[in-house]
Amino acid sequence: MIKTKHIVLLILFFICLQGVCLPPGRTPGAGVRFTFGPAYGFYNINPNHAKNPTARMSALVGFRKEIRLDREFKTYFLFGVDYFFHGVNFKSYYFKPDSLQLYDKTFAYDYQLTIQEINLPLQMKFSFTRENNSVFSPYIMLGYHFRYLLPGSLNITQNGNTVKKDALDLKFKNPLIYNKINSFVSLSLGWQKNSVNRSSSSFFVETNFRYGFSPYYFETSYSASSLFMSSAHLSLLLGLKF
């Protein structure tokens, strides 16, 4: 019930923001952006209960509404939604049912964790050239992204043999409003080919670095307690703007 309430409130917020901020019709320099691309994660994990965190395959796909804020066609506000999945491999314990839980740092089991998120970005973009009469515009972008953790998945193996497969309820150690909600901050550097005459779409290439404020974790009967993880992510994004 709490989860549904927060999702509904966030959706209503963005609908209201679009209705208040956007002028009717298409304005020069504004538009809709669709983006996708691979990402790489840098992970830290509680060394008392695990070791050797390495990134798994990660990717992001997203939508942005872009609003021009000045008459110089250089400053823009963006908001939207991303689907972001990433993962980490690490070595840790596995406690069988009714077994004695010994924390001897043997870490004999391989964990493969997949994480899914819905992100709600709020970003400011600053172009170095006017986007209404320049063919190309390099830009920098600063952002704050709300994160909502979706159910994750876990595969545990030993010597190549599967020991456990499970769906996980991931949570933030330091939640914002709700235990599945926290945030990223981000810095992006991009290059955009503009549609000067507004008769066609444009495209862009962007590198994005995002840093998460809170570790996240999961709790099960077979895994170590306090298995906190944190991460930062570097992505290369390609996109279209209409």
C-alpha atoms as a PDB file:
ATOM      1  CA  MET A   1       0.000   0.000   0.000  1.00  0.00           C
ATOM      2  CA  ILE A   2       2.806   2.421   0.910  1.00  0.00           C
ATOM      3  CA  LYS A   3       4.713   1.527  -2.268  1.00  0.00           C
ATOM      4  CA  THR A   4       1.659   2.165  -4.460  1.00  0.00           C
ATOM      5  CA  LYS A   5       0.995   5.479  -2.730  1.00  0.00           C
ATOM      6  CA  HIS A   6       4.463   6.829  -3.439  1.00  0.00           C
ATOM      7  CA  ILE A   7       4.424   5.714  -7.076  1.00  0.00           C
ATOM      8  CA  VAL A   8       1.064   7.430  -7.648  1.00  0.00           C
ATOM      9  CA  LEU A   9       2.284  10.641  -5.995  1.00  0.00           C
ATOM     10  CA  LEU A  10       5.414  10.740  -8.156  1.00  0.00           C
ATOM     11  CA  ILE A  11       3.427  10.183 -11.353  1.00  0.00           C
ATOM     12  CA  LEU A  12       0.994  12.968 -10.417  1.00  0.00           C
ATOM     13  CA  PHE A  13       3.907  15.293  -9.674  1.00  0.00           C
ATOM     14  CA  PHE A  14       5.382  14.890 -13.145  1.00  0.00           C
ATOM     15  CA  ILE A  15       1.998  15.234 -14.851  1.00  0.00           C
ATOM     16  CA  CYS A  16       1.377  18.496 -12.988  1.00  0.00           C
ATOM     17  CA  LEU A  17       4.880  19.747 -13.767  1.00  0.00           C
ATOM     18  CA  GLN A  18       4.374  19.112 -17.463  1.00  0.00           C
ATOM     19  CA  GLY A  19       1.029  20.896 -17.453  1.00  0.00           C
ATOM     20  CA  VAL A  20       2.353  23.951 -15.626  1.00  0.00           C
ATOM     21  CA  CYS A  21       5.741  24.373 -17.269  1.00  0.00           C
ATOM     22  CA  LEU A  22       5.197  23.510 -20.894  1.00  0.00           C
ATOM     23  CA  PRO A  23       3.843  26.058 -23.337  1.00  0.00           C
ATOM     24  CA  PRO A  24       1.397  24.819 -25.983  1.00  0.00           C
ATOM     25  CA  GLY A  25       2.953  23.522 -29.154  1.00  0.00           C
ATOM     26  CA  ARG A  26       6.591  22.870 -29.852  1.00  0.00           C
ATOM     27  CA  THR A  27       9.054  25.621 -28.978  1.00  0.00           C
ATOM     28  CA  PRO A  28      12.556  25.977 -30.438  1.00  0.00           C
ATOM     29  CA  GLY A  29      15.157  24.258 -28.320  1.00  0.00           C
ATOM     30  CA  ALA A  30      12.662  22.182 -26.344  1.00  0.00           C
ATOM     31  CA  GLY A  31      11.712  18.612 -27.067  1.00  0.00           C
ATOM     32  CA  VAL A  32      11.553  14.981 -26.049  1.00  0.00           C
ATOM     33  CA  ARG A  33      14.694  12.883 -25.634  1.00  0.00           C
ATOM     34  CA  PHE A  34      14.980   9.101 -25.758  1.00  0.00           C
ATOM     35  CA  THR A  35      18.242   7.597 -24.541  1.00  0.00           C
ATOM     36  CA  PHE A  36      19.839   4.183 -24.089  1.00  0.00           C
ATOM     37  CA  GLY A  37      23.282   2.732 -23.553  1.00  0.00           C
ATOM     38  CA  PRO A  38      25.595   0.468 -21.547  1.00  0.00           C
ATOM     39  CA  ALA A  39      26.901   1.273 -18.079  1.00  0.00           C
ATOM     40  CA  TYR A  40      29.731   0.134 -15.849  1.00  0.00           C
ATOM     41  CA  GLY A  41      29.465  -0.069 -12.053  1.00  0.00           C
ATOM     42  CA  PHE A  42      32.047   0.553  -9.341  1.00  0.00           C
ATOM     43  CA  TYR A  43      30.978  -1.404  -6.253  1.00  0.00           C
ATOM     44  CA  ASN A  44      31.960  -1.447  -2.603  1.00  0.00           C
ATOM     45  CA  ILE A  45      30.788  -4.173  -0.252  1.00  0.00           C
ATOM     46  CA  ASN A  46      31.084  -4.856   3.468  1.00  0.00           C
ATOM     47  CA  PRO A  47      34.536  -6.537   3.710  1.00  0.00           C
ATOM     48  CA  ASN A  48      33.564  -8.352   6.916  1.00  0.00           C
ATOM     49  CA  HIS A  49      31.042 -10.466   5.014  1.00  0.00           C
ATOM     50  CA  ALA A  50      32.128 -10.532   1.359  1.00  0.00           C
ATOM     51  CA  LYS A  51      35.012  -9.822  -1.015  1.00  0.00           C
ATOM     52  CA  ASN A  52      35.963  -9.308  -4.657  1.00  0.00           C
ATOM     53  CA  PRO A  53      32.990  -7.261  -5.956  1.00  0.00           C
ATOM     54  CA  THR A  54      33.057  -7.071  -9.753  1.00  0.00           C
ATOM     55  CA  ALA A  55      30.559  -5.437 -12.082  1.00  0.00           C
ATOM     56  CA  ARG A  56      28.114  -7.392 -14.203  1.00  0.00           C
ATOM     57  CA  MET A  57      26.388  -6.271 -17.406  1.00  0.00           C
ATOM     58  CA  SER A  58      24.510  -2.994 -16.938  1.00  0.00           C
ATOM     59  CA  ALA A  59      22.380  -0.792 -19.167  1.00  0.00           C
ATOM     60  CA  LEU A  60      19.953   2.107 -19.056  1.00  0.00           C
ATOM     61  CA  VAL A  61      17.016   3.199 -21.201  1.00  0.00           C
ATOM     62  CA  GLY A  62      15.225   6.456 -20.557  1.00  0.00           C
ATOM     63  CA  PHE A  63      12.872   9.232 -21.554  1.00  0.00           C
ATOM     64  CA  ARG A  64      13.257  12.986 -20.928  1.00  0.00           C
ATOM     65  CA  LYS A  65      11.098  16.031 -21.463  1.00  0.00           C
ATOM     66  CA  GLU A  66      13.302  19.059 -22.122  1.00  0.00           C
ATOM     67  CA  ILE A  67      12.217  22.640 -21.347  1.00  0.00           C
ATOM     68  CA  ARG A  68      14.124  25.734 -22.483  1.00  0.00           C
ATOM     69  CA  LEU A  69      14.676  28.243 -19.658  1.00  0.00           C
ATOM     70  CA  ASP A  70      16.346  31.215 -21.392  1.00  0.00           C
ATOM     71  CA  ARG A  71      16.267  33.272 -24.578  1.00  0.00           C
ATOM     72  CA  GLU A  72      19.816  32.286 -25.481  1.00  0.00           C
ATOM     73  CA  PHE A  73      18.855  28.662 -26.209  1.00  0.00           C
ATOM     74  CA  LYS A  74      21.583  27.440 -23.844  1.00  0.00           C
ATOM     75  CA  THR A  75      19.897  26.539 -20.549  1.00  0.00           C
ATOM     76  CA  TYR A  76      17.394  23.691 -20.190  1.00  0.00           C
ATOM     77  CA  PHE A  77      15.554  21.757 -17.520  1.00  0.00           C
ATOM     78  CA  LEU A  78      14.909  18.041 -18.061  1.00  0.00           C
ATOM     79  CA  PHE A  79      12.740  15.517 -16.245  1.00  0.00           C
ATOM     80  CA  GLY A  80      11.586  12.017 -17.057  1.00  0.00           C
ATOM     81  CA  VAL A  81      12.050   8.357 -16.167  1.00  0.00           C
ATOM     82  CA  ASP A  82      14.787   5.718 -16.588  1.00  0.00           C
ATOM     83  CA  TYR A  83      14.827   1.951 -16.321  1.00  0.00           C
ATOM     84  CA  PHE A  84      18.273   1.000 -15.032  1.00  0.00           C
ATOM     85  CA  PHE A  85      19.536  -2.524 -14.454  1.00  0.00           C
ATOM     86  CA  HIS A  86      22.963  -3.457 -13.159  1.00  0.00           C
ATOM     87  CA  GLY A  87      24.622  -6.169 -11.140  1.00  0.00           C
ATOM     88  CA  VAL A  88      27.589  -7.318  -9.113  1.00  0.00           C
ATOM     89  CA  ASN A  89      29.431 -10.571  -8.517  1.00  0.00           C
ATOM     90  CA  PHE A  90      31.104 -11.231  -5.178  1.00  0.00           C
ATOM     91  CA  LYS A  91      32.169 -14.032  -2.847  1.00  0.00           C
ATOM     92  CA  SER A  92      30.459 -14.548   0.495  1.00  0.00           C
ATOM     93  CA  TYR A  93      28.977 -17.120   2.884  1.00  0.00           C
ATOM     94  CA  TYR A  94      26.076 -19.482   2.353  1.00  0.00           C
ATOM     95  CA  PHE A  95      24.417 -20.913   5.457  1.00  0.00           C
ATOM     96  CA  LYS A  96      22.422 -24.107   4.948  1.00  0.00           C
ATOM     97  CA  PRO A  97      19.174 -24.575   6.899  1.00  0.00           C
ATOM     98  CA  ASP A  98      19.746 -25.345  10.584  1.00  0.00           C
ATOM     99  CA  SER A  99      23.525 -25.009  10.173  1.00  0.00           C
ATOM    100  CA  LEU A 100      25.868 -23.140  12.514  1.00  0.00           C
ATOM    101  CA  GLN A 101      26.620 -19.664  11.167  1.00  0.00           C
ATOM    102  CA  LEU A 102      30.389 -19.261  11.424  1.00  0.00           C
ATOM    103  CA  TYR A 103      31.845 -15.963  10.198  1.00  0.00           C
ATOM    104  CA  ASP A 104      35.344 -17.303   9.492  1.00  0.00           C
ATOM    105  CA  LYS A 105      35.897 -15.268   6.280  1.00  0.00           C
ATOM    106  CA  THR A 106      36.190 -18.326   4.061  1.00  0.00           C
ATOM    107  CA  PHE A 107      33.803 -16.773   1.476  1.00  0.00           C
ATOM    108  CA  ALA A 108      33.491 -20.037  -0.425  1.00  0.00           C
ATOM    109  CA  TYR A 109      30.367 -19.177  -2.448  1.00  0.00           C
ATOM    110  CA  ASP A 110      29.953 -17.051  -5.574  1.00  0.00           C
ATOM    111  CA  TYR A 111      27.058 -14.577  -5.602  1.00  0.00           C
ATOM    112  CA  GLN A 112      25.616 -13.134  -8.819  1.00  0.00           C
ATOM    113  CA  LEU A 113      23.253 -10.294  -7.970  1.00  0.00           C
ATOM    114  CA  THR A 114      21.079  -8.436 -10.500  1.00  0.00           C
ATOM    115  CA  ILE A 115      19.528  -5.109  -9.478  1.00  0.00           C
ATOM    116  CA  GLN A 116      16.671  -3.265 -11.189  1.00  0.00           C
ATOM    117  CA  GLU A 117      15.718   0.353 -10.598  1.00  0.00           C
ATOM    118  CA  ILE A 118      13.287   2.987 -11.751  1.00  0.00           C
ATOM    119  CA  ASN A 119      14.985   6.397 -11.691  1.00  0.00           C
ATOM    120  CA  LEU A 120      13.253   9.781 -11.884  1.00  0.00           C
ATOM    121  CA  PRO A 121      15.831  12.335 -13.050  1.00  0.00           C
ATOM    122  CA  LEU A 122      15.741  16.111 -12.567  1.00  0.00           C
ATOM    123  CA  GLN A 123      18.534  17.698 -14.611  1.00  0.00           C
ATOM    124  CA  MET A 124      19.896  21.086 -15.679  1.00  0.00           C
ATOM    125  CA  LYS A 125      21.647  21.268 -19.050  1.00  0.00           C
ATOM    126  CA  PHE A 126      24.006  24.060 -20.117  1.00  0.00           C
ATOM    127  CA  SER A 127      24.962  24.180 -23.808  1.00  0.00           C
ATOM    128  CA  PHE A 128      28.155  25.919 -24.931  1.00  0.00           C
ATOM    129  CA  THR A 129      26.564  27.138 -28.191  1.00  0.00           C
ATOM    130  CA  ARG A 130      23.074  28.264 -29.108  1.00  0.00           C
ATOM    131  CA  GLU A 131      20.999  25.209 -30.023  1.00  0.00           C
ATOM    132  CA  ASN A 132      18.661  27.111 -32.364  1.00  0.00           C
ATOM    133  CA  ASN A 133      21.320  28.157 -34.902  1.00  0.00           C
ATOM    134  CA  SER A 134      24.330  25.873 -34.242  1.00  0.00           C
ATOM    135  CA  VAL A 135      24.662  22.548 -35.985  1.00  0.00           C
ATOM    136  CA  PHE A 136      26.568  21.052 -33.048  1.00  0.00           C
ATOM    137  CA  SER A 137      26.339  21.838 -29.339  1.00  0.00           C
ATOM    138  CA  PRO A 138      28.596  20.419 -26.631  1.00  0.00           C
ATOM    139  CA  TYR A 139      26.961  20.573 -23.225  1.00  0.00           C
ATOM    140  CA  ILE A 140      27.317  19.799 -19.529  1.00  0.00           C
ATOM    141  CA  MET A 141      24.474  18.550 -17.355  1.00  0.00           C
ATOM    142  CA  LEU A 142      23.970  18.271 -13.589  1.00  0.00           C
ATOM    143  CA  GLY A 143      21.292  16.026 -12.149  1.00  0.00           C
ATOM    144  CA  TYR A 144      19.497  14.664  -9.123  1.00  0.00           C
ATOM    145  CA  HIS A 145      17.822  11.276  -9.613  1.00  0.00           C
ATOM    146  CA  PHE A 146      15.270   9.625  -7.356  1.00  0.00           C
ATOM    147  CA  ARG A 147      15.858   5.861  -7.187  1.00  0.00           C
ATOM    148  CA  TYR A 148      13.241   3.197  -6.603  1.00  0.00           C
ATOM    149  CA  LEU A 149      14.512  -0.365  -6.132  1.00  0.00           C
ATOM    150  CA  LEU A 150      12.566  -3.075  -7.949  1.00  0.00           C
ATOM    151  CA  PRO A 151      12.835  -6.762  -6.964  1.00  0.00           C
ATOM    152  CA  GLY A 152      16.285  -8.168  -7.633  1.00  0.00           C
ATOM    153  CA  SER A 153      17.487 -11.667  -8.471  1.00  0.00           C
ATOM    154  CA  LEU A 154      20.301 -13.740  -7.032  1.00  0.00           C
ATOM    155  CA  ASN A 155      22.176 -16.838  -8.149  1.00  0.00           C
ATOM    156  CA  ILE A 156      24.610 -18.553  -5.747  1.00  0.00           C
ATOM    157  CA  THR A 157      27.089 -21.156  -6.933  1.00  0.00           C
ATOM    158  CA  GLN A 158      29.965 -23.187  -5.551  1.00  0.00           C
ATOM    159  CA  ASN A 159      32.578 -24.728  -7.840  1.00  0.00           C
ATOM    160  CA  GLY A 160      30.280 -24.004 -10.800  1.00  0.00           C
ATOM    161  CA  ASN A 161      27.264 -25.774  -9.291  1.00  0.00           C
ATOM    162  CA  THR A 162      24.100 -23.823  -8.516  1.00  0.00           C
ATOM    163  CA  VAL A 163      23.289 -23.771  -4.808  1.00  0.00           C
ATOM    164  CA  LYS A 164      20.463 -21.239  -4.658  1.00  0.00           C
ATOM    165  CA  LYS A 165      18.345 -19.062  -6.939  1.00  0.00           C
ATOM    166  CA  ASP A 166      16.157 -16.447  -5.348  1.00  0.00           C
ATOM    167  CA  ALA A 167      14.147 -13.271  -5.921  1.00  0.00           C
ATOM    168  CA  LEU A 168      15.200 -10.543  -3.508  1.00  0.00           C
ATOM    169  CA  ASP A 169      13.593  -7.643  -1.744  1.00  0.00           C
ATOM    170  CA  LEU A 170      16.325  -4.975  -1.908  1.00  0.00           C
ATOM    171  CA  LYS A 171      16.291  -2.000   0.467  1.00  0.00           C
ATOM    172  CA  PHE A 172      18.352   1.109   1.173  1.00  0.00           C
ATOM    173  CA  LYS A 173      20.320   1.334   4.403  1.00  0.00           C
ATOM    174  CA  ASN A 174      19.506   5.064   4.663  1.00  0.00           C
ATOM    175  CA  PRO A 175      16.087   5.411   3.003  1.00  0.00           C
ATOM    176  CA  LEU A 176      14.453   8.560   1.745  1.00  0.00           C
ATOM    177  CA  ILE A 177      10.723   8.532   2.655  1.00  0.00           C
ATOM    178  CA  TYR A 178      10.511   4.765   2.104  1.00  0.00           C
ATOM    179  CA  ASN A 179      13.022   1.905   2.386  1.00  0.00           C
ATOM    180  CA  LYS A 180      13.168   1.391  -1.390  1.00  0.00           C
ATOM    181  CA  ILE A 181      13.696   5.082  -2.228  1.00  0.00           C
ATOM    182  CA  ASN A 182      16.948   7.043  -2.280  1.00  0.00           C
ATOM    183  CA  SER A 183      18.842   9.061  -4.869  1.00  0.00           C
ATOM    184  CA  PHE A 184      21.784   9.597  -7.210  1.00  0.00           C
ATOM    185  CA  VAL A 185      23.591  12.786  -8.159  1.00  0.00           C
ATOM    186  CA  SER A 186      25.058  12.904 -11.648  1.00  0.00           C
ATOM    187  CA  LEU A 187      27.375  14.780 -13.975  1.00  0.00           C
ATOM    188  CA  SER A 188      27.057  14.437 -17.757  1.00  0.00           C
ATOM    189  CA  LEU A 189      29.165  15.624 -20.669  1.00  0.00           C
ATOM    190  CA  GLY A 190      27.511  15.479 -24.076  1.00  0.00           C
ATOM    191  CA  TRP A 191      27.620  16.412 -27.736  1.00  0.00           C
ATOM    192  CA  GLN A 192      24.437  17.108 -29.662  1.00  0.00           C
ATOM    193  CA  LYS A 193      23.660  17.522 -33.349  1.00  0.00           C
ATOM    194  CA  ASN A 194      20.844  20.016 -33.556  1.00  0.00           C
ATOM    195  CA  SER A 195      17.915  20.231 -35.905  1.00  0.00           C
ATOM    196  CA  VAL A 196      18.271  23.925 -36.725  1.00  0.00           C
ATOM    197  CA  ASN A 197      15.146  24.225 -38.881  1.00  0.00           C
ATOM    198  CA  ARG A 198      13.044  22.118 -36.443  1.00  0.00           C
ATOM    199  CA  SER A 199      11.858  19.926 -39.312  1.00  0.00           C
ATOM    200  CA  SER A 200      13.658  16.760 -38.233  1.00  0.00           C
ATOM    201  CA  SER A 201      15.003  15.013 -35.170  1.00  0.00           C
ATOM    202  CA  SER A 202      18.479  15.455 -33.717  1.00  0.00           C
ATOM    203  CA  PHE A 203      20.777  13.030 -31.938  1.00  0.00           C
ATOM    204  CA  PHE A 204      23.292  13.139 -29.111  1.00  0.00           C
ATOM    205  CA  VAL A 205      26.080  11.198 -27.422  1.00  0.00           C
ATOM    206  CA  GLU A 206      26.598  11.544 -23.685  1.00  0.00           C
ATOM    207  CA  THR A 207      28.820  10.214 -20.921  1.00  0.00           C
ATOM    208  CA  ASN A 208      27.194  10.161 -17.504  1.00  0.00           C
ATOM    209  CA  PHE A 209      28.643   9.545 -14.062  1.00  0.00           C
ATOM    210  CA  ARG A 210      26.233   8.961 -11.191  1.00  0.00           C
ATOM    211  CA  TYR A 211      26.936   8.447  -7.518  1.00  0.00           C
ATOM    212  CA  GLY A 212      24.508   6.882  -5.056  1.00  0.00           C
ATOM    213  CA  PHE A 213      24.027   8.356  -1.584  1.00  0.00           C
ATOM    214  CA  SER A 214      23.032   5.226   0.322  1.00  0.00           C
ATOM    215  CA  PRO A 215      24.203   1.606   0.438  1.00  0.00           C
ATOM    216  CA  TYR A 216      21.594  -1.045  -0.312  1.00  0.00           C
ATOM    217  CA  TYR A 217      21.203  -4.554   1.038  1.00  0.00           C
ATOM    218  CA  PHE A 218      19.052  -7.677   1.269  1.00  0.00           C
ATOM    219  CA  GLU A 219      18.244 -10.013   4.138  1.00  0.00           C
ATOM    220  CA  THR A 220      17.808 -13.787   3.883  1.00  0.00           C
ATOM    221  CA  SER A 221      18.206 -16.786   6.178  1.00  0.00           C
ATOM    222  CA  TYR A 222      21.138 -18.146   4.138  1.00  0.00           C
ATOM    223  CA  SER A 223      23.245 -15.001   3.621  1.00  0.00           C
ATOM    224  CA  ALA A 224      25.381 -12.917   5.945  1.00  0.00           C
ATOM    225  CA  SER A 225      23.797 -10.081   7.882  1.00  0.00           C
ATOM    226  CA  SER A 226      24.796  -6.453   7.191  1.00  0.00           C
ATOM    227  CA  LEU A 227      25.708  -7.280   3.606  1.00  0.00           C
ATOM    228  CA  PHE A 228      25.737  -3.616   2.591  1.00  0.00           C
ATOM    229  CA  MET A 229      26.729  -2.568  -0.942  1.00  0.00           C
ATOM    230  CA  SER A 230      27.230   0.839  -2.529  1.00  0.00           C
ATOM    231  CA  SER A 231      28.001   1.840  -6.085  1.00  0.00           C
ATOM    232  CA  ALA A 232      28.760   4.538  -8.615  1.00  0.00           C
ATOM    233  CA  HIS A 233      28.110   4.151 -12.355  1.00  0.00           C
ATOM    234  CA  LEU A 234      29.645   5.390 -15.586  1.00  0.00           C
ATOM    235  CA  SER A 235      27.509   5.126 -18.717  1.00  0.00           C
ATOM    236  CA  LEU A 236      27.822   5.920 -22.411  1.00  0.00           C
ATOM    237  CA  LEU A 237      24.437   7.007 -23.718  1.00  0.00           C
ATOM    238  CA  LEU A 238      23.127   7.451 -27.245  1.00  0.00           C
ATOM    239  CA  GLY A 239      19.871   9.198 -27.954  1.00  0.00           C
ATOM    240  CA  LEU A 240      17.393  10.927 -30.209  1.00  0.00           C
ATOM    241  CA  LYS A 241      15.672  14.235 -29.639  1.00  0.00           C
ATOM    242  CA  PHE A 242      12.380  15.199 -31.286  1.00  0.00           C
END
